[in-house]
Amino acid sequence: MKKIRNPWIGLTDKGYNCFACAPTNPYGLKMEFYEDGDDIVSFWNPGKNYQGWLDTLHGGIQATLLDEIGGWIIARKFQTSGMTTNLNVKYKKPVPTGDGIVVEVRARVKEVKRMFVFIEAAISYNGEICSSAEMTYYTFPKDVAEKDFMFHECVTEE
């Protein structure tokens, strides 16, 4: 498993402040990502500030985690940027919150049709799937990704 370098680090002066992945957003999730074969993975601590109900991760935050990892599939596996066109989340079990809790967010490509990528993702805790998602991303042509979204490349650390 190799850590993926955030391709937008250093762009805070241009407005990069992603709620999910910007390490400098004081209210953000500060997600980091790893490449594990065909999968992209993130390990994340659902702190109590993100709860919806008592000791339970808010469903909107779960959707954000799943949507964000889909975006990183596009960045790493397709070397471009894209946008979510569909996100279907299924909540199966509560995701706990608190210190020392780590969830795994994992995604992989299910299918590609022209400029559309179909992705499946899940949030797991202690090996059990708590929520899952099927999503569709539209991928931008590489010149558009570079010009409009400041995307150049997405690489792993050595």
C-alpha atoms as a PDB file:
ATOM      1  CA  MET A   1       0.000   0.000   0.000  1.00  0.00           C
ATOM      2  CA  LYS A   2       1.434   3.363  -1.040  1.00  0.00           C
ATOM      3  CA  LYS A   3       0.428   6.795   0.209  1.00  0.00           C
ATOM      4  CA  ILE A   4      -0.906   9.115  -2.479  1.00  0.00           C
ATOM      5  CA  ARG A   5       0.495  12.635  -2.594  1.00  0.00           C
ATOM      6  CA  ASN A   6      -2.180  15.306  -2.513  1.00  0.00           C
ATOM      7  CA  PRO A   7      -1.833  17.037  -5.915  1.00  0.00           C
ATOM      8  CA  TRP A   8      -3.369  20.285  -4.602  1.00  0.00           C
ATOM      9  CA  ILE A   9      -0.973  20.854  -1.689  1.00  0.00           C
ATOM     10  CA  GLY A  10       0.481  24.308  -2.048  1.00  0.00           C
ATOM     11  CA  LEU A  11      -2.595  25.775  -3.737  1.00  0.00           C
ATOM     12  CA  THR A  12      -4.138  27.361  -0.651  1.00  0.00           C
ATOM     13  CA  ASP A  13      -3.219  30.786  -2.061  1.00  0.00           C
ATOM     14  CA  LYS A  14      -5.416  29.924  -5.066  1.00  0.00           C
ATOM     15  CA  GLY A  15      -8.338  28.891  -2.854  1.00  0.00           C
ATOM     16  CA  TYR A  16      -7.771  25.159  -2.223  1.00  0.00           C
ATOM     17  CA  ASN A  17      -9.640  24.476   1.022  1.00  0.00           C
ATOM     18  CA  CYS A  18     -11.500  21.211   0.369  1.00  0.00           C
ATOM     19  CA  PHE A  19     -13.650  20.204   3.333  1.00  0.00           C
ATOM     20  CA  ALA A  20     -12.725  16.550   2.844  1.00  0.00           C
ATOM     21  CA  CYS A  21      -9.023  16.519   1.919  1.00  0.00           C
ATOM     22  CA  ALA A  22      -7.353  19.882   2.571  1.00  0.00           C
ATOM     23  CA  PRO A  23      -4.931  19.403   5.464  1.00  0.00           C
ATOM     24  CA  THR A  24      -5.173  23.101   6.384  1.00  0.00           C
ATOM     25  CA  ASN A  25      -8.977  23.379   6.618  1.00  0.00           C
ATOM     26  CA  PRO A  26      -9.560  23.790  10.388  1.00  0.00           C
ATOM     27  CA  TYR A  27     -13.095  22.351  10.137  1.00  0.00           C
ATOM     28  CA  GLY A  28     -12.332  19.710   7.514  1.00  0.00           C
ATOM     29  CA  LEU A  29     -11.964  15.958   7.546  1.00  0.00           C
ATOM     30  CA  LYS A  30      -8.265  16.019   6.532  1.00  0.00           C
ATOM     31  CA  MET A  31      -8.551  12.707   4.683  1.00  0.00           C
ATOM     32  CA  GLU A  32      -5.395  11.033   3.368  1.00  0.00           C
ATOM     33  CA  PHE A  33      -5.390   8.356   0.693  1.00  0.00           C
ATOM     34  CA  TYR A  34      -3.498   5.203  -0.198  1.00  0.00           C
ATOM     35  CA  GLU A  35      -3.349   3.039  -3.279  1.00  0.00           C
ATOM     36  CA  ASP A  36      -3.860  -0.646  -2.544  1.00  0.00           C
ATOM     37  CA  GLY A  37      -3.758  -2.448  -5.892  1.00  0.00           C
ATOM     38  CA  ASP A  38      -6.940  -1.514  -7.744  1.00  0.00           C
ATOM     39  CA  ASP A  39      -8.415   0.144  -4.650  1.00  0.00           C
ATOM     40  CA  ILE A  40      -8.049   3.580  -3.111  1.00  0.00           C
ATOM     41  CA  VAL A  41      -8.231   3.539   0.687  1.00  0.00           C
ATOM     42  CA  SER A  42      -8.474   6.095   3.471  1.00  0.00           C
ATOM     43  CA  PHE A  43      -8.251   5.495   7.210  1.00  0.00           C
ATOM     44  CA  TRP A  44     -10.104   8.128   9.153  1.00  0.00           C
ATOM     45  CA  ASN A  45     -11.012   8.918  12.768  1.00  0.00           C
ATOM     46  CA  PRO A  46     -14.676   9.883  13.104  1.00  0.00           C
ATOM     47  CA  GLY A  47     -14.306  12.329  15.970  1.00  0.00           C
ATOM     48  CA  LYS A  48     -17.239  13.392  18.103  1.00  0.00           C
ATOM     49  CA  ASN A  49     -17.480  16.721  16.228  1.00  0.00           C
ATOM     50  CA  TYR A  50     -18.898  14.794  13.268  1.00  0.00           C
ATOM     51  CA  GLN A  51     -21.669  12.917  15.036  1.00  0.00           C
ATOM     52  CA  GLY A  52     -25.314  13.109  14.092  1.00  0.00           C
ATOM     53  CA  TRP A  53     -26.810  11.100  16.935  1.00  0.00           C
ATOM     54  CA  LEU A  54     -25.040  10.125  20.147  1.00  0.00           C
ATOM     55  CA  ASP A  55     -21.729   8.458  19.313  1.00  0.00           C
ATOM     56  CA  THR A  56     -22.869   7.939  15.706  1.00  0.00           C
ATOM     57  CA  LEU A  57     -21.279   9.460  12.599  1.00  0.00           C
ATOM     58  CA  HIS A  58     -23.593  11.844  10.739  1.00  0.00           C
ATOM     59  CA  GLY A  59     -24.966  10.360   7.501  1.00  0.00           C
ATOM     60  CA  GLY A  60     -23.964  13.453   5.530  1.00  0.00           C
ATOM     61  CA  ILE A  61     -20.364  13.055   6.658  1.00  0.00           C
ATOM     62  CA  GLN A  62     -20.506   9.399   5.591  1.00  0.00           C
ATOM     63  CA  ALA A  63     -21.729  10.493   2.158  1.00  0.00           C
ATOM     64  CA  THR A  64     -18.889  13.023   2.012  1.00  0.00           C
ATOM     65  CA  LEU A  65     -16.280  10.352   2.828  1.00  0.00           C
ATOM     66  CA  LEU A  66     -17.653   8.078   0.115  1.00  0.00           C
ATOM     67  CA  ASP A  67     -17.944  10.841  -2.471  1.00  0.00           C
ATOM     68  CA  GLU A  68     -14.428  12.115  -1.760  1.00  0.00           C
ATOM     69  CA  ILE A  69     -12.774   8.743  -2.172  1.00  0.00           C
ATOM     70  CA  GLY A  70     -14.532   8.479  -5.537  1.00  0.00           C
ATOM     71  CA  GLY A  71     -12.848  11.710  -6.568  1.00  0.00           C
ATOM     72  CA  TRP A  72      -9.488  10.277  -5.600  1.00  0.00           C
ATOM     73  CA  ILE A  73     -10.167   7.214  -7.762  1.00  0.00           C
ATOM     74  CA  ILE A  74     -10.516   9.635 -10.677  1.00  0.00           C
ATOM     75  CA  ALA A  75      -7.376  11.568  -9.752  1.00  0.00           C
ATOM     76  CA  ARG A  76      -5.117   8.554  -9.214  1.00  0.00           C
ATOM     77  CA  LYS A  77      -6.455   5.916 -11.587  1.00  0.00           C
ATOM     78  CA  PHE A  78      -7.441   8.214 -14.480  1.00  0.00           C
ATOM     79  CA  GLN A  79      -4.986  11.095 -13.916  1.00  0.00           C
ATOM     80  CA  THR A  80      -7.628  13.771 -14.322  1.00  0.00           C
ATOM     81  CA  SER A  81     -10.351  15.420 -12.297  1.00  0.00           C
ATOM     82  CA  GLY A  82     -14.063  14.924 -12.512  1.00  0.00           C
ATOM     83  CA  MET A  83     -17.399  15.562 -10.914  1.00  0.00           C
ATOM     84  CA  THR A  84     -19.990  13.418  -9.225  1.00  0.00           C
ATOM     85  CA  THR A  85     -23.099  12.944 -11.323  1.00  0.00           C
ATOM     86  CA  ASN A  86     -24.755  10.342  -9.089  1.00  0.00           C
ATOM     87  CA  LEU A  87     -24.214   9.153  -5.526  1.00  0.00           C
ATOM     88  CA  ASN A  88     -26.388   6.424  -4.026  1.00  0.00           C
ATOM     89  CA  VAL A  89     -25.563   5.677  -0.389  1.00  0.00           C
ATOM     90  CA  LYS A  90     -26.901   2.740   1.613  1.00  0.00           C
ATOM     91  CA  TYR A  91     -26.618   2.998   5.386  1.00  0.00           C
ATOM     92  CA  LYS A  92     -26.374  -0.470   6.915  1.00  0.00           C
ATOM     93  CA  LYS A  93     -24.994  -0.057  10.458  1.00  0.00           C
ATOM     94  CA  PRO A  94     -24.134   2.921  12.644  1.00  0.00           C
ATOM     95  CA  VAL A  95     -20.574   4.197  12.361  1.00  0.00           C
ATOM     96  CA  PRO A  96     -19.241   4.945  15.861  1.00  0.00           C
ATOM     97  CA  THR A  97     -17.490   8.192  16.757  1.00  0.00           C
ATOM     98  CA  GLY A  98     -14.823   8.920  19.335  1.00  0.00           C
ATOM     99  CA  ASP A  99     -11.133   8.902  20.127  1.00  0.00           C
ATOM    100  CA  GLY A 100      -9.231   5.851  18.942  1.00  0.00           C
ATOM    101  CA  ILE A 101     -11.884   4.781  16.445  1.00  0.00           C
ATOM    102  CA  VAL A 102     -10.608   4.328  12.899  1.00  0.00           C
ATOM    103  CA  VAL A 103     -12.801   3.521   9.941  1.00  0.00           C
ATOM    104  CA  GLU A 104     -11.673   2.308   6.551  1.00  0.00           C
ATOM    105  CA  VAL A 105     -13.083   3.977   3.457  1.00  0.00           C
ATOM    106  CA  ARG A 106     -12.357   1.910   0.332  1.00  0.00           C
ATOM    107  CA  ALA A 107     -13.318   2.358  -3.317  1.00  0.00           C
ATOM    108  CA  ARG A 108     -12.717   0.729  -6.676  1.00  0.00           C
ATOM    109  CA  VAL A 109     -13.754   1.133 -10.279  1.00  0.00           C
ATOM    110  CA  LYS A 110     -16.703  -1.003 -11.240  1.00  0.00           C
ATOM    111  CA  GLU A 111     -17.075   0.024 -14.906  1.00  0.00           C
ATOM    112  CA  VAL A 112     -16.029   2.694 -17.412  1.00  0.00           C
ATOM    113  CA  LYS A 113     -18.232   3.965 -20.231  1.00  0.00           C
ATOM    114  CA  ARG A 114     -16.581   6.675 -22.288  1.00  0.00           C
ATOM    115  CA  MET A 115     -16.161   9.686 -19.961  1.00  0.00           C
ATOM    116  CA  PHE A 116     -18.177   8.124 -17.106  1.00  0.00           C
ATOM    117  CA  VAL A 117     -16.645   6.023 -14.336  1.00  0.00           C
ATOM    118  CA  PHE A 118     -18.859   3.861 -12.133  1.00  0.00           C
ATOM    119  CA  ILE A 119     -17.385   3.389  -8.669  1.00  0.00           C
ATOM    120  CA  GLU A 120     -18.307   1.297  -5.642  1.00  0.00           C
ATOM    121  CA  ALA A 121     -17.178   2.309  -2.169  1.00  0.00           C
ATOM    122  CA  ALA A 122     -17.736   1.350   1.454  1.00  0.00           C
ATOM    123  CA  ILE A 123     -17.052   2.509   4.985  1.00  0.00           C
ATOM    124  CA  SER A 124     -16.046  -0.318   7.318  1.00  0.00           C
ATOM    125  CA  TYR A 125     -15.430  -0.504  11.032  1.00  0.00           C
ATOM    126  CA  ASN A 126     -13.853  -3.584  12.631  1.00  0.00           C
ATOM    127  CA  GLY A 127     -14.160  -5.424   9.320  1.00  0.00           C
ATOM    128  CA  GLU A 128     -17.915  -4.841   8.965  1.00  0.00           C
ATOM    129  CA  ILE A 129     -19.405  -2.684   6.218  1.00  0.00           C
ATOM    130  CA  CYS A 130     -21.412   0.124   7.797  1.00  0.00           C
ATOM    131  CA  SER A 131     -22.353   2.037   4.649  1.00  0.00           C
ATOM    132  CA  SER A 132     -21.764   1.612   0.956  1.00  0.00           C
ATOM    133  CA  ALA A 133     -22.187   3.667  -2.171  1.00  0.00           C
ATOM    134  CA  GLU A 134     -22.447   3.356  -5.895  1.00  0.00           C
ATOM    135  CA  MET A 135     -21.473   6.510  -7.694  1.00  0.00           C
ATOM    136  CA  THR A 136     -20.916   7.861 -11.151  1.00  0.00           C
ATOM    137  CA  TYR A 137     -18.237  10.377 -11.993  1.00  0.00           C
ATOM    138  CA  TYR A 138     -17.888  12.344 -15.198  1.00  0.00           C
ATOM    139  CA  THR A 139     -14.197  12.676 -16.020  1.00  0.00           C
ATOM    140  CA  PHE A 140     -12.941  15.914 -17.505  1.00  0.00           C
ATOM    141  CA  PRO A 141     -10.559  15.918 -20.470  1.00  0.00           C
ATOM    142  CA  LYS A 142      -7.011  16.360 -19.162  1.00  0.00           C
ATOM    143  CA  ASP A 143      -6.630  19.858 -20.611  1.00  0.00           C
ATOM    144  CA  VAL A 144      -9.811  20.982 -18.815  1.00  0.00           C
ATOM    145  CA  ALA A 145      -8.628  19.376 -15.560  1.00  0.00           C
ATOM    146  CA  GLU A 146      -5.355  21.273 -15.797  1.00  0.00           C
ATOM    147  CA  LYS A 147      -6.804  24.636 -16.847  1.00  0.00           C
ATOM    148  CA  ASP A 148      -9.949  24.773 -14.712  1.00  0.00           C
ATOM    149  CA  PHE A 149      -9.076  22.539 -11.744  1.00  0.00           C
ATOM    150  CA  MET A 150      -5.290  22.977 -11.457  1.00  0.00           C
ATOM    151  CA  PHE A 151      -4.803  19.215 -11.758  1.00  0.00           C
ATOM    152  CA  HIS A 152      -1.448  18.077 -13.165  1.00  0.00           C
ATOM    153  CA  GLU A 153      -0.803  14.585 -11.853  1.00  0.00           C
ATOM    154  CA  CYS A 154      -1.523  12.316  -8.928  1.00  0.00           C
ATOM    155  CA  VAL A 155       1.389  10.152  -7.788  1.00  0.00           C
ATOM    156  CA  THR A 156       2.274   7.947  -4.848  1.00  0.00           C
ATOM    157  CA  GLU A 157       5.137   8.520  -2.453  1.00  0.00           C
ATOM    158  CA  GLU A 158       8.230   6.417  -3.001  1.00  0.00           C
END
